[in-house]
């Protein structure tokens, strides 16, 4: 799936899908590996999704490697 194209063409649906697919695993990883509280881990995840969106829309992120 080309997430970058999906974000550019239908950003709300793509971001909602990314958020839903990745939230639980990412928050768990942040808690386990970095000792964050649930609230802090959710904040980090949410900011990361916003940064992803910004980087795609400004052309800083052109392809995903993993």
PDB file of N, CA and C in Angstrom:
ATOM      1  N   UNK A   1       0.842  -1.177   0.000  1.00  0.00           N
ATOM      2  CA  UNK A   1       0.000   0.000   0.000  1.00  0.00           C
ATOM      3  C   UNK A   1       0.888   1.241   0.000  1.00  0.00           C
ATOM      4  N   UNK A   2       0.540   2.204  -0.816  1.00  0.00           N
ATOM      5  CA  UNK A   2       1.294   3.450  -0.898  1.00  0.00           C
ATOM      6  C   UNK A   2       0.671   4.472   0.056  1.00  0.00           C
ATOM      7  N   UNK A   3       1.169   4.473   1.286  1.00  0.00           N
ATOM      8  CA  UNK A   3       0.613   5.359   2.313  1.00  0.00           C
ATOM      9  C   UNK A   3       0.803   6.827   1.956  1.00  0.00           C
ATOM     10  N   UNK A   4       1.904   7.153   1.338  1.00  0.00           N
ATOM     11  CA  UNK A   4       2.157   8.565   1.001  1.00  0.00           C
ATOM     12  C   UNK A   4       1.119   9.059   0.001  1.00  0.00           C
ATOM     13  N   UNK A   5       0.876   8.288  -1.031  1.00  0.00           N
ATOM     14  CA  UNK A   5      -0.149   8.674  -2.008  1.00  0.00           C
ATOM     15  C   UNK A   5      -1.522   8.732  -1.355  1.00  0.00           C
ATOM     16  N   UNK A   6      -1.798   7.789  -0.497  1.00  0.00           N
ATOM     17  CA  UNK A   6      -3.096   7.749   0.183  1.00  0.00           C
ATOM     18  C   UNK A   6      -3.279   8.980   1.076  1.00  0.00           C
ATOM     19  N   UNK A   7      -2.232   9.390   1.772  1.00  0.00           N
ATOM     20  CA  UNK A   7      -2.307  10.591   2.614  1.00  0.00           C
ATOM     21  C   UNK A   7      -2.523  11.826   1.753  1.00  0.00           C
ATOM     22  N   UNK A   8      -1.816  11.905   0.633  1.00  0.00           N
ATOM     23  CA  UNK A   8      -1.946  13.077  -0.236  1.00  0.00           C
ATOM     24  C   UNK A   8      -3.320  13.184  -0.886  1.00  0.00           C
ATOM     25  N   UNK A   9      -3.932  12.053  -1.199  1.00  0.00           N
ATOM     26  CA  UNK A   9      -5.196  12.097  -1.929  1.00  0.00           C
ATOM     27  C   UNK A   9      -6.428  12.036  -1.030  1.00  0.00           C
ATOM     28  N   UNK A  10      -6.301  11.430   0.138  1.00  0.00           N
ATOM     29  CA  UNK A  10      -7.444  11.327   1.048  1.00  0.00           C
ATOM     30  C   UNK A  10      -6.911  11.322   2.471  1.00  0.00           C
ATOM     31  N   UNK A  11      -6.348  12.459   2.850  1.00  0.00           N
ATOM     32  CA  UNK A  11      -5.592  12.523   4.098  1.00  0.00           C
ATOM     33  C   UNK A  11      -6.390  12.118   5.328  1.00  0.00           C
ATOM     34  N   UNK A  12      -7.646  12.484   5.438  1.00  0.00           N
ATOM     35  CA  UNK A  12      -8.409  12.146   6.646  1.00  0.00           C
ATOM     36  C   UNK A  12      -8.606  10.647   6.793  1.00  0.00           C
ATOM     37  N   UNK A  13      -9.000   9.982   5.730  1.00  0.00           N
ATOM     38  CA  UNK A  13      -9.223   8.538   5.794  1.00  0.00           C
ATOM     39  C   UNK A  13      -7.910   7.800   6.019  1.00  0.00           C
ATOM     40  N   UNK A  14      -6.855   8.235   5.344  1.00  0.00           N
ATOM     41  CA  UNK A  14      -5.551   7.576   5.486  1.00  0.00           C
ATOM     42  C   UNK A  14      -5.014   7.739   6.899  1.00  0.00           C
ATOM     43  N   UNK A  15      -5.084   8.930   7.433  1.00  0.00           N
ATOM     44  CA  UNK A  15      -4.584   9.159   8.788  1.00  0.00           C
ATOM     45  C   UNK A  15      -5.402   8.393   9.817  1.00  0.00           C
ATOM     46  N   UNK A  16      -6.701   8.314   9.611  1.00  0.00           N
ATOM     47  CA  UNK A  16      -7.550   7.542  10.521  1.00  0.00           C
ATOM     48  C   UNK A  16      -7.161   6.064  10.476  1.00  0.00           C
ATOM     49  N   UNK A  17      -6.900   5.557   9.277  1.00  0.00           N
ATOM     50  CA  UNK A  17      -6.501   4.158   9.134  1.00  0.00           C
ATOM     51  C   UNK A  17      -5.140   3.890   9.779  1.00  0.00           C
ATOM     52  N   UNK A  18      -4.185   4.759   9.532  1.00  0.00           N
ATOM     53  CA  UNK A  18      -2.863   4.623  10.155  1.00  0.00           C
ATOM     54  C   UNK A  18      -2.989   4.673  11.671  1.00  0.00           C
ATOM     55  N   UNK A  19      -3.756   5.619  12.154  1.00  0.00           N
ATOM     56  CA  UNK A  19      -3.954   5.784  13.593  1.00  0.00           C
ATOM     57  C   UNK A  19      -4.528   4.503  14.197  1.00  0.00           C
ATOM     58  N   UNK A  20      -5.556   3.982  13.572  1.00  0.00           N
ATOM     59  CA  UNK A  20      -6.220   2.781  14.078  1.00  0.00           C
ATOM     60  C   UNK A  20      -5.315   1.561  14.008  1.00  0.00           C
ATOM     61  N   UNK A  21      -4.603   1.396  12.899  1.00  0.00           N
ATOM     62  CA  UNK A  21      -3.745   0.226  12.717  1.00  0.00           C
ATOM     63  C   UNK A  21      -2.525   0.219  13.635  1.00  0.00           C
ATOM     64  N   UNK A  22      -1.975   1.381  13.927  1.00  0.00           N
ATOM     65  CA  UNK A  22      -0.676   1.452  14.602  1.00  0.00           C
ATOM     66  C   UNK A  22      -0.727   1.873  16.063  1.00  0.00           C
ATOM     67  N   UNK A  23      -1.832   2.428  16.499  1.00  0.00           N
ATOM     68  CA  UNK A  23      -1.902   3.030  17.833  1.00  0.00           C
ATOM     69  C   UNK A  23      -1.534   2.054  18.948  1.00  0.00           C
ATOM     70  N   UNK A  24      -2.207   0.946  19.029  1.00  0.00           N
ATOM     71  CA  UNK A  24      -2.019   0.023  20.144  1.00  0.00           C
ATOM     72  C   UNK A  24      -0.583  -0.499  20.223  1.00  0.00           C
ATOM     73  N   UNK A  25      -0.045  -0.917  19.084  1.00  0.00           N
ATOM     74  CA  UNK A  25       1.315  -1.453  19.073  1.00  0.00           C
ATOM     75  C   UNK A  25       2.351  -0.380  19.422  1.00  0.00           C
ATOM     76  N   UNK A  26       2.179   0.801  18.875  1.00  0.00           N
ATOM     77  CA  UNK A  26       3.129   1.881  19.131  1.00  0.00           C
ATOM     78  C   UNK A  26       3.085   2.324  20.591  1.00  0.00           C
ATOM     79  N   UNK A  27       1.893   2.483  21.126  1.00  0.00           N
ATOM     80  CA  UNK A  27       1.757   2.903  22.523  1.00  0.00           C
ATOM     81  C   UNK A  27       2.367   1.851  23.442  1.00  0.00           C
ATOM     82  N   UNK A  28       2.104   0.587  23.165  1.00  0.00           N
ATOM     83  CA  UNK A  28       2.695  -0.490  23.966  1.00  0.00           C
ATOM     84  C   UNK A  28       4.214  -0.475  23.909  1.00  0.00           C
ATOM     85  N   UNK A  29       4.760  -0.248  22.726  1.00  0.00           N
ATOM     86  CA  UNK A  29       6.214  -0.186  22.552  1.00  0.00           C
ATOM     87  C   UNK A  29       6.802   0.991  23.336  1.00  0.00           C
ATOM     88  N   UNK A  30       6.158   2.140  23.249  1.00  0.00           N
ATOM     89  CA  UNK A  30       6.642   3.309  23.978  1.00  0.00           C
ATOM     90  C   UNK A  30       6.606   3.086  25.490  1.00  0.00           C
ATOM     91  N   UNK A  31       5.579   2.422  25.963  1.00  0.00           N
ATOM     92  CA  UNK A  31       5.481   2.134  27.396  1.00  0.00           C
ATOM     93  C   UNK A  31       6.553   1.132  27.820  1.00  0.00           C
ATOM     94  N   UNK A  32       6.703   0.072  27.053  1.00  0.00           N
ATOM     95  CA  UNK A  32       7.633  -0.993  27.410  1.00  0.00           C
ATOM     96  C   UNK A  32       9.087  -0.545  27.306  1.00  0.00           C
ATOM     97  N   UNK A  33       9.455   0.031  26.166  1.00  0.00           N
ATOM     98  CA  UNK A  33      10.863   0.350  25.928  1.00  0.00           C
ATOM     99  C   UNK A  33      11.317   1.675  26.536  1.00  0.00           C
ATOM    100  N   UNK A  34      10.397   2.601  26.750  1.00  0.00           N
ATOM    101  CA  UNK A  34      10.784   3.915  27.247  1.00  0.00           C
ATOM    102  C   UNK A  34      10.146   4.274  28.579  1.00  0.00           C
ATOM    103  N   UNK A  35       9.312   3.379  29.106  1.00  0.00           N
ATOM    104  CA  UNK A  35       8.714   3.593  30.413  1.00  0.00           C
ATOM    105  C   UNK A  35       7.717   4.734  30.478  1.00  0.00           C
ATOM    106  N   UNK A  36       7.083   5.058  29.350  1.00  0.00           N
ATOM    107  CA  UNK A  36       6.122   6.155  29.336  1.00  0.00           C
ATOM    108  C   UNK A  36       4.789   5.713  29.920  1.00  0.00           C
ATOM    109  N   UNK A  37       4.085   6.665  30.484  1.00  0.00           N
ATOM    110  CA  UNK A  37       2.721   6.397  30.920  1.00  0.00           C
ATOM    111  C   UNK A  37       1.847   6.266  29.672  1.00  0.00           C
ATOM    112  N   UNK A  38       0.655   5.755  29.847  1.00  0.00           N
ATOM    113  CA  UNK A  38      -0.261   5.630  28.710  1.00  0.00           C
ATOM    114  C   UNK A  38      -0.549   6.990  28.097  1.00  0.00           C
ATOM    115  N   UNK A  39      -0.798   7.979  28.924  1.00  0.00           N
ATOM    116  CA  UNK A  39      -1.087   9.318  28.399  1.00  0.00           C
ATOM    117  C   UNK A  39       0.090   9.901  27.628  1.00  0.00           C
ATOM    118  N   UNK A  40       1.289   9.749  28.167  1.00  0.00           N
ATOM    119  CA  UNK A  40       2.470  10.274  27.469  1.00  0.00           C
ATOM    120  C   UNK A  40       2.716   9.524  26.166  1.00  0.00           C
ATOM    121  N   UNK A  41       2.532   8.214  26.181  1.00  0.00           N
ATOM    122  CA  UNK A  41       2.729   7.417  24.970  1.00  0.00           C
ATOM    123  C   UNK A  41       1.711   7.813  23.901  1.00  0.00           C
ATOM    124  N   UNK A  42       0.472   8.051  24.303  1.00  0.00           N
ATOM    125  CA  UNK A  42      -0.547   8.505  23.356  1.00  0.00           C
ATOM    126  C   UNK A  42      -0.194   9.873  22.780  1.00  0.00           C
ATOM    127  N   UNK A  43       0.315  10.766  23.612  1.00  0.00           N
ATOM    128  CA  UNK A  43       0.742  12.086  23.131  1.00  0.00           C
ATOM    129  C   UNK A  43       1.851  11.959  22.093  1.00  0.00           C
ATOM    130  N   UNK A  44       2.846  11.126  22.381  1.00  0.00           N
ATOM    131  CA  UNK A  44       3.959  10.932  21.438  1.00  0.00           C
ATOM    132  C   UNK A  44       3.429  10.364  20.122  1.00  0.00           C
ATOM    133  N   UNK A  45       2.558   9.376  20.208  1.00  0.00           N
ATOM    134  CA  UNK A  45       2.000   8.774  18.996  1.00  0.00           C
ATOM    135  C   UNK A  45       1.213   9.796  18.180  1.00  0.00           C
ATOM    136  N   UNK A  46       0.366  10.568  18.839  1.00  0.00           N
ATOM    137  CA  UNK A  46      -0.447  11.551  18.132  1.00  0.00           C
ATOM    138  C   UNK A  46       0.407  12.628  17.469  1.00  0.00           C
ATOM    139  N   UNK A  47       1.421  13.087  18.160  1.00  0.00           N
ATOM    140  CA  UNK A  47       2.323  14.072  17.565  1.00  0.00           C
ATOM    141  C   UNK A  47       3.057  13.462  16.374  1.00  0.00           C
ATOM    142  N   UNK A  48       3.417  12.204  16.483  1.00  0.00           N
ATOM    143  CA  UNK A  48       4.109  11.520  15.385  1.00  0.00           C
ATOM    144  C   UNK A  48       3.235  11.430  14.139  1.00  0.00           C
ATOM    145  N   UNK A  49       1.953  11.180  14.319  1.00  0.00           N
ATOM    146  CA  UNK A  49       1.036  11.124  13.174  1.00  0.00           C
ATOM    147  C   UNK A  49       0.919  12.503  12.527  1.00  0.00           C
ATOM    148  N   UNK A  50       0.870  13.539  13.332  1.00  0.00           N
ATOM    149  CA  UNK A  50       0.819  14.906  12.792  1.00  0.00           C
ATOM    150  C   UNK A  50       2.099  15.223  12.020  1.00  0.00           C
ATOM    151  N   UNK A  51       3.235  14.831  12.555  1.00  0.00           N
ATOM    152  CA  UNK A  51       4.517  15.060  11.872  1.00  0.00           C
ATOM    153  C   UNK A  51       4.577  14.265  10.571  1.00  0.00           C
ATOM    154  N   UNK A  52       4.089  13.029  10.589  1.00  0.00           N
ATOM    155  CA  UNK A  52       4.024  12.228   9.360  1.00  0.00           C
ATOM    156  C   UNK A  52       3.219  12.967   8.300  1.00  0.00           C
ATOM    157  N   UNK A  53       2.052  13.435   8.664  1.00  0.00           N
ATOM    158  CA  UNK A  53       1.196  14.173   7.733  1.00  0.00           C
ATOM    159  C   UNK A  53       1.914  15.405   7.182  1.00  0.00           C
ATOM    160  N   UNK A  54       2.505  16.186   8.064  1.00  0.00           N
ATOM    161  CA  UNK A  54       3.205  17.402   7.650  1.00  0.00           C
ATOM    162  C   UNK A  54       4.353  17.083   6.697  1.00  0.00           C
ATOM    163  N   UNK A  55       5.131  16.059   7.012  1.00  0.00           N
ATOM    164  CA  UNK A  55       6.269  15.700   6.163  1.00  0.00           C
ATOM    165  C   UNK A  55       5.831  15.198   4.792  1.00  0.00           C
ATOM    166  N   UNK A  56       4.726  14.485   4.731  1.00  0.00           N
ATOM    167  CA  UNK A  56       4.204  14.036   3.439  1.00  0.00           C
ATOM    168  C   UNK A  56       3.710  15.229   2.630  1.00  0.00           C
ATOM    169  N   UNK A  57       2.938  16.089   3.256  1.00  0.00           N
ATOM    170  CA  UNK A  57       2.328  17.206   2.527  1.00  0.00           C
ATOM    171  C   UNK A  57       3.340  18.264   2.089  1.00  0.00           C
ATOM    172  N   UNK A  58       4.451  18.397   2.807  1.00  0.00           N
ATOM    173  CA  UNK A  58       5.467  19.384   2.411  1.00  0.00           C
ATOM    174  C   UNK A  58       6.536  18.786   1.502  1.00  0.00           C
ATOM    175  N   UNK A  59       6.447  17.496   1.228  1.00  0.00           N
ATOM    176  CA  UNK A  59       7.405  16.853   0.333  1.00  0.00           C
ATOM    177  C   UNK A  59       8.691  16.411   1.001  1.00  0.00           C
ATOM    178  N   UNK A  60       8.765  16.489   2.318  1.00  0.00           N
ATOM    179  CA  UNK A  60       9.965  16.031   3.026  1.00  0.00           C
ATOM    180  C   UNK A  60      10.052  14.511   3.066  1.00  0.00           C
ATOM    181  N   UNK A  61       8.916  13.845   2.997  1.00  0.00           N
ATOM    182  CA  UNK A  61       8.878  12.392   3.016  1.00  0.00           C
ATOM    183  C   UNK A  61       8.306  11.930   1.677  1.00  0.00           C
ATOM    184  N   UNK A  62       9.159  11.263   0.906  1.00  0.00           N
ATOM    185  CA  UNK A  62       8.758  10.852  -0.445  1.00  0.00           C
ATOM    186  C   UNK A  62       8.490   9.361  -0.558  1.00  0.00           C
ATOM    187  N   UNK A  63       9.102   8.551   0.329  1.00  0.00           N
ATOM    188  CA  UNK A  63       8.841   7.118   0.323  1.00  0.00           C
ATOM    189  C   UNK A  63       9.153   6.540   1.697  1.00  0.00           C
ATOM    190  N   UNK A  64       8.499   5.430   1.991  1.00  0.00           N
ATOM    191  CA  UNK A  64       8.706   4.748   3.257  1.00  0.00           C
ATOM    192  C   UNK A  64       9.582   3.515   3.020  1.00  0.00           C
ATOM    193  N   UNK A  65      10.515   3.286   3.923  1.00  0.00           N
ATOM    194  CA  UNK A  65      11.443   2.170   3.753  1.00  0.00           C
ATOM    195  C   UNK A  65      11.080   0.934   4.561  1.00  0.00           C
ATOM    196  N   UNK A  66      10.207   1.080   5.536  1.00  0.00           N
ATOM    197  CA  UNK A  66       9.904  -0.096   6.346  1.00  0.00           C
ATOM    198  C   UNK A  66       8.443  -0.198   6.671  1.00  0.00           C
TER     199      UNK A  66
END
